[in-house]
Amino acid sequence: MTVDFSTILLGLGTTLALITAIGAQNAFLLKQGILGRPMLPLIVFCILADAVLYAAGIGGMGYMVEKAPWVQTVLLWGGVIFMTAYGAMAAKRAIWPSGEALVVTPEDAIGPNAHFPEGPSDEPAGGAEGGVALRQRTPTPTRVAESTQPTVLALLMTCAAMTFLNPHTYLDTMVLIGSVGNQQGETGRWVFLIGAVLGSTIWFFALGFGSRLLRPLFARPGTWRILDGIIALIMFSLAAHLILN
């Protein structure tokens, strides 16, 4: 079987356009990364959950299309309408932002064991010459008790709730991925699935392990405006792709 890399890229692009929008799951992972929590179990869980939902969407939708060909037309235009609406909402957030951003507290952004400066000390700067006190002292850090840290199991349970209790999860993964995937033909839909899972893998690893580097950036609403603008362009392009092909 010849692998169609354009179909893989389509699956990758579709997935990235869907899951990079700010939402409960992404905000949760960002928060845990900022706090320095164990990220690998959470990342693996999110990837496996997406893979199962993608496969169910593509497999289930494929069976329905085989038994009732008219379903394919419904899926096609349903996908076009959804992607256009999704892109329009992303464009609206980019143009008229609601002000939402990841809420980063000082402890989140700097870390629970960081040194927080006090006010000016009474010790003069400049040695014997005296002068205005400018040097700041840093108190001994207060460590968070181990008992207050959530276990990996607790984090996974919370992540599962963020994933499976969100209705948009099923709309995005099973309906939209299934719709676009089944436009690629009997063999192409599984190649599309490879690209979709690859997209989830890239995103969750980048989000999980890159969150510490991105924490100052994603604390700003303007960053999400740029991201939403990119998402809008991708979604409009995917809608056009379905219509023209």
Protein backbone atom coordinates (compact mmCIF):
# COMPACT_ATOMS: atom_id res chain seq x y z
CA MET A 1 0.00 0.00 0.00
CA THR A 2 1.32 3.41 -0.97
CA VAL A 3 1.13 5.89 1.85
CA ASP A 4 -0.44 9.19 0.82
CA PHE A 5 1.48 11.75 2.84
CA SER A 6 -0.95 14.50 1.85
CA THR A 7 -3.70 12.56 3.63
CA ILE A 8 -1.48 12.21 6.70
CA LEU A 9 -0.86 15.96 6.64
CA LEU A 10 -4.59 16.57 6.28
CA GLY A 11 -5.26 14.46 9.36
CA LEU A 12 -2.49 16.20 11.26
CA GLY A 13 -3.71 19.66 10.29
CA THR A 14 -7.34 18.87 11.09
CA THR A 15 -6.40 17.61 14.54
CA LEU A 16 -4.13 20.54 15.35
CA ALA A 17 -6.82 22.99 14.25
CA LEU A 18 -9.28 21.37 16.65
CA ILE A 19 -7.26 20.70 19.78
CA THR A 20 -5.11 23.83 19.95
CA ALA A 21 -8.11 26.02 20.81
CA ILE A 22 -8.21 27.00 24.47
CA GLY A 23 -10.45 24.70 26.43
CA ALA A 24 -10.79 22.83 29.69
CA GLN A 25 -8.34 20.06 28.81
CA ASN A 26 -5.64 22.31 27.37
CA ALA A 27 -5.92 24.80 30.22
CA PHE A 28 -5.64 21.92 32.71
CA LEU A 29 -2.46 20.60 31.07
CA LEU A 30 -0.95 24.07 30.88
CA LYS A 31 -1.67 24.60 34.56
CA GLN A 32 -0.04 21.31 35.56
CA GLY A 33 3.01 22.08 33.46
CA ILE A 34 3.35 25.49 35.06
CA LEU A 35 3.14 23.89 38.50
CA GLY A 36 5.79 21.31 37.62
CA ARG A 37 3.52 18.29 38.00
CA PRO A 38 4.29 14.90 36.33
CA MET A 39 3.34 15.48 32.70
CA LEU A 40 4.19 12.23 30.89
CA PRO A 41 1.25 10.20 32.31
CA LEU A 42 -1.16 13.01 31.44
CA ILE A 43 0.24 13.39 27.93
CA VAL A 44 0.05 9.65 27.21
CA PHE A 45 -3.51 9.52 28.54
CA CYS A 46 -4.64 12.39 26.30
CA ILE A 47 -3.03 10.84 23.21
CA LEU A 48 -4.58 7.39 23.85
CA ALA A 49 -8.00 8.92 24.55
CA ASP A 50 -7.87 10.84 21.29
CA ALA A 51 -6.70 7.77 19.35
CA VAL A 52 -9.61 5.67 20.63
CA LEU A 53 -12.15 8.40 19.90
CA TYR A 54 -10.70 9.06 16.43
CA ALA A 55 -10.80 5.37 15.54
CA ALA A 56 -14.36 5.04 16.85
CA GLY A 57 -15.43 8.06 14.85
CA ILE A 58 -13.80 6.91 11.62
CA GLY A 59 -14.77 3.25 12.04
CA GLY A 60 -18.32 3.93 13.10
CA MET A 61 -18.93 6.57 10.49
CA GLY A 62 -17.38 4.32 7.84
CA TYR A 63 -19.82 1.52 8.69
CA MET A 64 -22.76 3.90 8.47
CA VAL A 65 -21.57 5.27 5.11
CA GLU A 66 -21.22 1.73 3.75
CA LYS A 67 -24.75 0.78 4.81
CA ALA A 68 -26.35 4.10 3.91
CA PRO A 69 -24.47 6.11 1.21
CA TRP A 70 -26.64 9.18 1.83
CA VAL A 71 -24.98 9.48 5.24
CA GLN A 72 -21.78 10.52 3.46
CA THR A 73 -23.52 13.56 1.99
CA VAL A 74 -24.93 14.47 5.39
CA LEU A 75 -21.48 14.08 6.95
CA LEU A 76 -19.89 16.16 4.21
CA TRP A 77 -22.17 19.16 4.64
CA GLY A 78 -22.37 18.69 8.37
CA GLY A 79 -18.58 18.91 8.47
CA VAL A 80 -18.58 21.99 6.23
CA ILE A 81 -21.16 23.76 8.41
CA PHE A 82 -19.41 22.82 11.64
CA MET A 83 -15.94 23.86 10.45
CA THR A 84 -17.25 27.13 9.07
CA ALA A 85 -19.04 27.89 12.34
CA TYR A 86 -16.00 26.81 14.38
CA GLY A 87 -13.76 29.02 12.27
CA ALA A 88 -16.20 31.92 12.61
CA MET A 89 -16.16 31.59 16.40
CA ALA A 90 -12.38 31.49 16.43
CA ALA A 91 -12.26 34.56 14.17
CA LYS A 92 -14.71 36.35 16.48
CA ARG A 93 -12.48 35.58 19.50
CA ALA A 94 -9.47 36.87 17.59
CA ILE A 95 -11.16 40.13 16.54
CA TRP A 96 -13.28 40.75 19.64
CA PRO A 97 -11.56 38.90 22.47
CA SER A 98 -13.43 38.19 25.66
CA GLY A 99 -10.31 38.82 27.72
CA GLU A 100 -9.97 35.17 28.67
CA ALA A 101 -6.48 33.84 29.26
CA LEU A 102 -4.84 31.27 31.39
CA VAL A 103 -4.97 32.61 34.93
CA VAL A 104 -1.42 32.60 36.23
CA THR A 105 -0.90 33.43 39.87
CA PRO A 106 2.56 34.40 41.19
CA GLU A 107 2.94 30.89 42.61
CA ASP A 108 1.98 29.36 39.27
CA ALA A 109 4.24 31.55 37.17
CA ILE A 110 7.30 31.49 39.39
CA GLY A 111 6.91 28.25 41.27
CA PRO A 112 5.93 27.31 44.82
CA ASN A 113 9.53 27.38 46.02
CA ALA A 114 10.50 30.71 44.51
CA HIS A 115 12.08 33.57 46.46
CA PHE A 116 9.76 36.55 46.69
CA PRO A 117 11.50 39.86 47.43
CA GLU A 118 10.54 41.98 50.39
CA GLY A 119 10.59 45.74 50.48
CA PRO A 120 13.81 47.77 50.71
CA SER A 121 16.09 46.72 53.55
CA ASP A 122 17.47 49.03 56.18
CA GLU A 123 20.97 48.08 55.17
CA PRO A 124 22.52 50.90 53.14
CA ALA A 125 23.85 50.30 49.67
CA GLY A 126 27.24 51.58 48.71
CA GLY A 127 29.16 50.40 51.80
CA ALA A 128 30.75 53.14 53.95
CA GLU A 129 29.33 55.93 51.82
CA GLY A 130 25.84 55.14 53.02
CA GLY A 131 22.93 56.19 50.91
CA VAL A 132 19.40 55.00 50.15
CA ALA A 133 18.80 51.33 50.76
CA LEU A 134 18.19 49.61 47.40
CA ARG A 135 19.14 45.98 48.02
CA GLN A 136 16.27 43.61 48.63
CA ARG A 137 16.26 40.57 50.83
CA THR A 138 14.75 37.24 49.90
CA PRO A 139 13.12 35.16 52.63
CA THR A 140 13.67 31.46 53.04
CA PRO A 141 11.24 29.70 50.67
CA THR A 142 8.27 27.93 52.16
CA ARG A 143 7.92 24.46 50.71
CA VAL A 144 4.51 23.02 49.96
CA ALA A 145 3.78 20.00 52.11
CA GLU A 146 3.93 16.71 50.21
CA SER A 147 0.45 15.79 51.45
CA THR A 148 -1.02 18.76 49.56
CA GLN A 149 0.37 17.59 46.22
CA PRO A 150 -2.13 15.58 44.13
CA THR A 151 -1.18 12.03 43.21
CA VAL A 152 -0.70 10.95 39.61
CA LEU A 153 -3.94 8.98 39.87
CA ALA A 154 -5.82 12.07 41.04
CA LEU A 155 -4.37 14.08 38.16
CA LEU A 156 -5.35 11.38 35.66
CA MET A 157 -8.89 11.25 37.03
CA THR A 158 -9.21 15.00 36.69
CA CYS A 159 -7.81 14.85 33.17
CA ALA A 160 -10.31 12.10 32.29
CA ALA A 161 -13.16 14.28 33.54
CA MET A 162 -11.87 17.21 31.48
CA THR A 163 -11.75 14.93 28.44
CA PHE A 164 -14.86 12.75 28.60
CA LEU A 165 -17.30 15.05 30.38
CA ASN A 166 -16.87 17.74 27.75
CA PRO A 167 -19.51 17.40 24.97
CA HIS A 168 -17.18 19.15 22.52
CA THR A 169 -14.80 16.20 22.83
CA TYR A 170 -17.23 13.91 21.02
CA LEU A 171 -18.26 16.55 18.53
CA ASP A 172 -14.64 17.26 17.59
CA THR A 173 -13.11 13.79 17.69
CA MET A 174 -15.91 11.45 16.67
CA VAL A 175 -18.13 13.59 14.46
CA LEU A 176 -15.72 15.99 12.76
CA ILE A 177 -12.69 13.69 12.54
CA GLY A 178 -14.99 10.89 11.40
CA SER A 179 -16.57 13.15 8.79
CA VAL A 180 -13.31 14.43 7.31
CA GLY A 181 -11.61 11.03 7.58
CA ASN A 182 -14.34 9.23 5.67
CA GLN A 183 -14.01 11.64 2.77
CA GLN A 184 -10.61 10.04 2.08
CA GLY A 185 -11.92 6.65 0.93
CA GLU A 186 -11.76 3.17 2.44
CA THR A 187 -7.97 3.04 2.77
CA GLY A 188 -7.35 6.77 3.02
CA ARG A 189 -9.44 7.15 6.15
CA TRP A 190 -7.02 4.98 8.14
CA VAL A 191 -4.07 6.90 6.72
CA PHE A 192 -5.92 10.02 7.82
CA LEU A 193 -6.21 8.45 11.29
CA ILE A 194 -2.42 8.10 11.45
CA GLY A 195 -2.06 11.81 10.75
CA ALA A 196 -4.75 12.67 13.30
CA VAL A 197 -3.04 10.68 16.07
CA LEU A 198 0.30 12.18 15.05
CA GLY A 199 -1.25 15.64 15.41
CA SER A 200 -2.45 14.82 18.92
CA THR A 201 0.97 13.43 19.83
CA ILE A 202 2.81 16.53 18.63
CA TRP A 203 0.40 18.89 20.35
CA PHE A 204 0.23 17.21 23.74
CA PHE A 205 3.98 16.70 24.01
CA ALA A 206 4.59 20.31 22.98
CA LEU A 207 1.91 21.58 25.35
CA GLY A 208 2.93 19.41 28.28
CA PHE A 209 6.68 19.89 28.20
CA GLY A 210 6.70 23.35 26.67
CA SER A 211 4.25 24.87 29.11
CA ARG A 212 6.97 26.10 31.45
CA LEU A 213 8.61 28.01 28.62
CA LEU A 214 5.30 29.39 27.37
CA ARG A 215 3.81 30.40 30.72
CA PRO A 216 4.53 34.15 30.37
CA LEU A 217 3.22 34.06 26.79
CA PHE A 218 -0.07 32.27 27.39
CA ALA A 219 -0.88 34.43 30.39
CA ARG A 220 -1.61 37.20 27.88
CA PRO A 221 -4.98 37.33 26.10
CA GLY A 222 -3.21 38.66 22.97
CA THR A 223 -1.49 35.30 22.48
CA TRP A 224 -4.81 33.51 22.31
CA ARG A 225 -6.03 36.10 19.77
CA ILE A 226 -3.17 35.15 17.43
CA LEU A 227 -3.80 31.46 17.98
CA ASP A 228 -7.53 31.85 17.34
CA GLY A 229 -6.78 33.76 14.14
CA ILE A 230 -4.62 30.89 12.88
CA ILE A 231 -7.28 28.35 13.87
CA ALA A 232 -9.93 30.32 11.97
CA LEU A 233 -7.85 30.29 8.79
CA ILE A 234 -7.22 26.54 9.08
CA MET A 235 -10.89 25.74 9.67
CA PHE A 236 -12.05 27.85 6.73
CA SER A 237 -9.44 26.13 4.55
CA LEU A 238 -10.64 22.68 5.64
CA ALA A 239 -14.25 23.61 4.89
CA ALA A 240 -13.21 24.73 1.40
CA HIS A 241 -11.24 21.49 0.95
CA LEU A 242 -14.35 19.40 1.68
CA ILE A 243 -16.48 21.40 -0.77
CA LEU A 244 -13.95 21.31 -3.61
CA ASN A 245 -13.04 17.64 -3.20
